[in-house]
Amino acid sequence: MNLLAETVTWLSDPAHWTGSSGVPTRLLQHVLVTFVSVAIAALIALPAGVLIGHTRRGAGFVGALTGAARAIPTLGLLTLFGLALGIGLQAPVLALIILAIPSLLAGAYAGVQSVDVNTVAAARAIGMSPAQVIFKVELPLAMPVLIGGLRAATLQVVATATLAAYTSDTGLGRYLFAGLKSRDYPQMLAGSVLVVALAIVLELILSAVQRRAAAHAAPHQLAA
């Protein structure tokens, strides 16, 4: 109970909400690391997933890659990259990109593959090019599943981005590592609470976006 009270005291202390080590600054850093990592991973994974789903080839590759990537320990990967790249953001961002790719790839592939083959055949029958089939038919219908993959990847990254503080003075994870070093457990718990709160906010936003995408895709499915 004392730990909880001390954590509330830590969070309510104005000194922890100002300056370069304040909560707003750490929160912004955490969000930026998450956004950059997911964005780069999306640039790699989404085109590949859409192409595999469109051609219906490479499902085994997606499954194997997804399983292998998820089996890799992120902290071990971060340590390896940290030894190779040194102190800074490069190592954690690279590790987070690798963490985000499986969910994004699987979401894009599953979403496009789930589109009814008769709908795709009808689009081709009226003269649509492969690119038109992808962008005008498959992607709109696949969007809810695709966003589901983005949602999963974002939540994985925002939680794991606490490890960015392992090789750099960045993000909310700094409170956990600094607290562990100094045995300041209220600071550690406060950092954990902030990470959980951020994850919940992102979950609510992305789930709302996914529901909106599903509602938008429904008329297309009925028309098909």
Protein backbone atom coordinates (compact mmCIF):
# COMPACT_ATOMS: atom_id res chain seq x y z
CA MET A 1 0.00 0.00 0.00
CA ASN A 2 2.89 2.34 0.80
CA LEU A 3 4.35 1.68 -2.64
CA LEU A 4 1.09 2.72 -4.31
CA ALA A 5 0.90 5.87 -2.19
CA GLU A 6 4.50 6.73 -3.00
CA THR A 7 3.82 6.14 -6.70
CA VAL A 8 0.86 8.52 -6.61
CA THR A 9 3.07 11.06 -4.84
CA TRP A 10 5.73 10.63 -7.52
CA LEU A 11 3.21 11.13 -10.32
CA SER A 12 1.67 14.18 -8.65
CA ASP A 13 5.01 15.90 -8.04
CA PRO A 14 5.24 18.92 -10.43
CA ALA A 15 9.01 18.46 -10.61
CA HIS A 16 8.49 15.24 -12.55
CA TRP A 17 6.40 16.99 -15.21
CA THR A 18 8.90 19.63 -16.30
CA GLY A 19 12.31 19.73 -17.93
CA SER A 20 14.10 17.38 -20.28
CA SER A 21 13.43 14.41 -18.00
CA GLY A 22 9.80 15.30 -17.31
CA VAL A 23 6.88 13.05 -18.14
CA PRO A 24 5.66 15.07 -21.18
CA THR A 25 9.12 14.93 -22.78
CA ARG A 26 9.56 11.22 -22.05
CA LEU A 27 6.04 10.53 -23.30
CA LEU A 28 6.69 12.36 -26.57
CA GLN A 29 9.96 10.48 -27.03
CA HIS A 30 8.17 7.17 -26.44
CA VAL A 31 5.45 8.01 -28.95
CA LEU A 32 8.00 9.10 -31.57
CA VAL A 33 10.07 5.93 -31.18
CA THR A 34 6.89 3.87 -31.51
CA PHE A 35 5.66 5.81 -34.55
CA VAL A 36 8.98 5.70 -36.39
CA SER A 37 9.46 1.97 -35.73
CA VAL A 38 5.92 1.02 -36.82
CA ALA A 39 6.05 3.34 -39.85
CA ILE A 40 9.30 1.85 -41.16
CA ALA A 41 8.05 -1.68 -40.48
CA ALA A 42 4.82 -0.86 -42.34
CA LEU A 43 6.76 0.36 -45.38
CA ILE A 44 8.47 -3.04 -45.49
CA ALA A 45 5.68 -5.40 -44.43
CA LEU A 46 2.48 -3.97 -45.93
CA PRO A 47 3.49 -4.04 -49.63
CA ALA A 48 4.88 -7.56 -49.20
CA GLY A 49 1.76 -8.76 -47.38
CA VAL A 50 -0.61 -7.21 -49.91
CA LEU A 51 1.33 -8.72 -52.82
CA ILE A 52 1.38 -12.18 -51.24
CA GLY A 53 -2.32 -11.98 -50.44
CA HIS A 54 -3.12 -10.78 -53.96
CA THR A 55 -1.18 -13.53 -55.72
CA ARG A 56 -2.18 -16.20 -53.16
CA ARG A 57 1.45 -17.32 -53.18
CA GLY A 58 3.87 -17.40 -50.27
CA ALA A 59 1.49 -18.26 -47.42
CA GLY A 60 4.04 -20.72 -46.05
CA PHE A 61 6.70 -18.03 -46.12
CA VAL A 62 4.48 -15.64 -44.17
CA GLY A 63 3.74 -18.27 -41.54
CA ALA A 64 7.38 -19.29 -41.17
CA LEU A 65 8.65 -15.71 -41.05
CA THR A 66 5.99 -14.64 -38.57
CA GLY A 67 6.68 -17.58 -36.28
CA ALA A 68 10.45 -17.14 -36.45
CA ALA A 69 10.33 -13.40 -35.83
CA ARG A 70 8.01 -13.77 -32.85
CA ALA A 71 10.35 -16.35 -31.33
CA ILE A 72 13.26 -13.90 -31.29
CA PRO A 73 13.79 -12.37 -27.80
CA THR A 74 13.61 -8.60 -28.24
CA LEU A 75 15.99 -7.85 -25.37
CA GLY A 76 18.56 -10.24 -26.82
CA LEU A 77 18.16 -8.63 -30.22
CA LEU A 78 18.52 -5.18 -28.69
CA THR A 79 21.67 -6.24 -26.87
CA LEU A 80 23.14 -7.64 -30.08
CA PHE A 81 22.34 -4.48 -32.05
CA GLY A 82 23.59 -2.34 -29.16
CA LEU A 83 26.96 -4.09 -29.28
CA ALA A 84 27.13 -3.60 -33.05
CA LEU A 85 25.73 -0.07 -33.31
CA GLY A 86 26.64 1.40 -29.93
CA ILE A 87 24.73 3.76 -27.69
CA GLY A 88 21.80 5.57 -29.29
CA LEU A 89 18.40 5.00 -30.84
CA GLN A 90 19.54 2.96 -33.84
CA ALA A 91 19.66 -0.34 -31.94
CA PRO A 92 16.23 -0.14 -30.26
CA VAL A 93 14.50 1.20 -33.36
CA LEU A 94 15.94 -1.62 -35.47
CA ALA A 95 14.84 -4.20 -32.89
CA LEU A 96 11.34 -2.69 -32.73
CA ILE A 97 11.04 -2.70 -36.53
CA ILE A 98 11.77 -6.43 -36.54
CA LEU A 99 9.21 -6.89 -33.75
CA ALA A 100 6.50 -5.02 -35.68
CA ILE A 101 6.94 -6.68 -39.08
CA PRO A 102 5.25 -10.07 -38.33
CA SER A 103 1.90 -8.60 -37.22
CA LEU A 104 1.84 -6.09 -40.07
CA LEU A 105 2.78 -8.71 -42.65
CA ALA A 106 0.24 -11.22 -41.36
CA GLY A 107 -2.51 -8.58 -41.18
CA ALA A 108 -1.96 -7.38 -44.74
CA TYR A 109 -1.70 -10.90 -46.12
CA ALA A 110 -4.74 -12.24 -44.25
CA GLY A 111 -6.83 -9.20 -45.09
CA VAL A 112 -6.22 -9.32 -48.83
CA GLN A 113 -6.46 -13.12 -48.99
CA SER A 114 -9.83 -13.02 -47.21
CA VAL A 115 -11.44 -11.05 -50.04
CA ASP A 116 -13.94 -13.23 -51.90
CA VAL A 117 -12.37 -14.70 -55.04
CA ASN A 118 -15.65 -14.12 -56.91
CA THR A 119 -15.43 -10.41 -56.13
CA VAL A 120 -11.88 -10.30 -57.48
CA ALA A 121 -12.90 -12.29 -60.56
CA ALA A 122 -15.77 -9.89 -61.23
CA ALA A 123 -13.42 -6.91 -61.00
CA ARG A 124 -11.05 -8.52 -63.50
CA ALA A 125 -13.97 -9.39 -65.77
CA ILE A 126 -14.93 -5.73 -66.16
CA GLY A 127 -11.40 -4.89 -67.24
CA MET A 128 -9.68 -3.76 -64.06
CA SER A 129 -5.90 -3.95 -64.11
CA PRO A 130 -4.07 -5.80 -61.30
CA ALA A 131 -3.27 -2.48 -59.64
CA GLN A 132 -6.91 -1.39 -59.83
CA VAL A 133 -8.03 -4.71 -58.34
CA ILE A 134 -5.66 -4.21 -55.42
CA PHE A 135 -6.42 -0.55 -54.69
CA LYS A 136 -10.13 -0.39 -55.59
CA VAL A 137 -11.34 -3.83 -54.50
CA GLU A 138 -8.98 -5.80 -52.28
CA LEU A 139 -7.56 -3.07 -50.05
CA PRO A 140 -10.93 -1.46 -49.14
CA LEU A 141 -12.32 -4.87 -48.19
CA ALA A 142 -9.12 -5.93 -46.42
CA MET A 143 -8.75 -2.72 -44.43
CA PRO A 144 -10.34 -3.94 -41.14
CA VAL A 145 -8.00 -6.94 -40.93
CA LEU A 146 -5.04 -4.86 -42.08
CA ILE A 147 -5.71 -2.28 -39.37
CA GLY A 148 -6.00 -5.16 -36.90
CA GLY A 149 -2.42 -6.08 -37.77
CA LEU A 150 -1.37 -2.45 -37.35
CA ARG A 151 -3.13 -2.36 -34.00
CA ALA A 152 -1.35 -5.49 -32.77
CA ALA A 153 2.03 -4.25 -33.99
CA THR A 154 1.57 -0.83 -32.37
CA LEU A 155 0.66 -2.30 -29.00
CA GLN A 156 3.62 -4.68 -29.11
CA VAL A 157 6.00 -1.86 -29.99
CA VAL A 158 4.66 0.70 -27.50
CA ALA A 159 5.08 -1.83 -24.69
CA THR A 160 8.52 -3.00 -25.80
CA ALA A 161 9.75 0.54 -26.55
CA THR A 162 10.53 0.81 -22.84
CA LEU A 163 13.70 -1.11 -23.77
CA ALA A 164 14.86 1.87 -25.84
CA ALA A 165 16.18 3.30 -22.59
CA TYR A 166 18.55 0.32 -22.40
CA THR A 167 20.88 1.90 -24.96
CA SER A 168 19.67 5.53 -24.93
CA ASP A 169 18.28 8.12 -22.55
CA THR A 170 14.90 8.00 -24.26
CA GLY A 171 11.26 7.31 -23.53
CA LEU A 172 9.24 6.20 -20.54
CA GLY A 173 11.48 3.20 -20.07
CA ARG A 174 14.07 5.54 -18.60
CA TYR A 175 12.01 5.68 -15.42
CA LEU A 176 12.15 1.89 -15.13
CA PHE A 177 15.90 1.59 -15.70
CA ALA A 178 16.75 4.60 -13.51
CA GLY A 179 14.43 3.33 -10.79
CA LEU A 180 15.93 -0.17 -10.96
CA LYS A 181 19.44 1.22 -10.69
CA SER A 182 18.63 3.39 -7.67
CA ARG A 183 16.01 1.02 -6.19
CA ASP A 184 13.42 3.76 -6.57
CA TYR A 185 10.44 1.45 -6.90
CA PRO A 186 7.78 4.19 -6.93
CA GLN A 187 9.53 5.66 -9.99
CA MET A 188 9.55 2.24 -11.64
CA LEU A 189 5.87 1.68 -10.95
CA ALA A 190 5.05 5.20 -12.15
CA GLY A 191 6.87 4.51 -15.41
CA SER A 192 4.96 1.26 -15.82
CA VAL A 193 1.65 3.02 -15.19
CA LEU A 194 2.48 5.63 -17.82
CA VAL A 195 3.35 2.96 -20.40
CA VAL A 196 0.12 1.08 -19.68
CA ALA A 197 -1.90 4.30 -19.92
CA LEU A 198 -0.32 5.13 -23.28
CA ALA A 199 -1.00 1.61 -24.56
CA ILE A 200 -4.65 1.87 -23.50
CA VAL A 201 -5.07 5.22 -25.28
CA LEU A 202 -3.54 3.85 -28.48
CA GLU A 203 -5.69 0.71 -28.22
CA LEU A 204 -8.86 2.80 -27.93
CA ILE A 205 -7.87 4.98 -30.90
CA LEU A 206 -6.90 2.09 -33.17
CA SER A 207 -9.91 -0.03 -32.21
CA ALA A 208 -12.16 2.91 -33.13
CA VAL A 209 -10.36 3.25 -36.46
CA GLN A 210 -10.75 -0.48 -37.07
CA ARG A 211 -14.49 -0.35 -36.35
CA ARG A 212 -14.87 2.58 -38.71
CA ALA A 213 -12.97 0.70 -41.41
CA ALA A 214 -15.20 -2.35 -40.88
CA ALA A 215 -18.32 -0.21 -41.20
CA HIS A 216 -16.95 1.34 -44.39
CA ALA A 217 -16.08 -2.08 -45.84
CA ALA A 218 -19.52 -3.57 -45.10
CA PRO A 219 -21.36 -1.81 -47.98
CA HIS A 220 -18.65 -2.97 -50.40
CA GLN A 221 -19.09 -6.55 -49.22
CA LEU A 222 -22.86 -6.35 -49.62
CA ALA A 223 -22.49 -4.85 -53.09
CA ALA A 224 -20.09 -7.64 -54.02
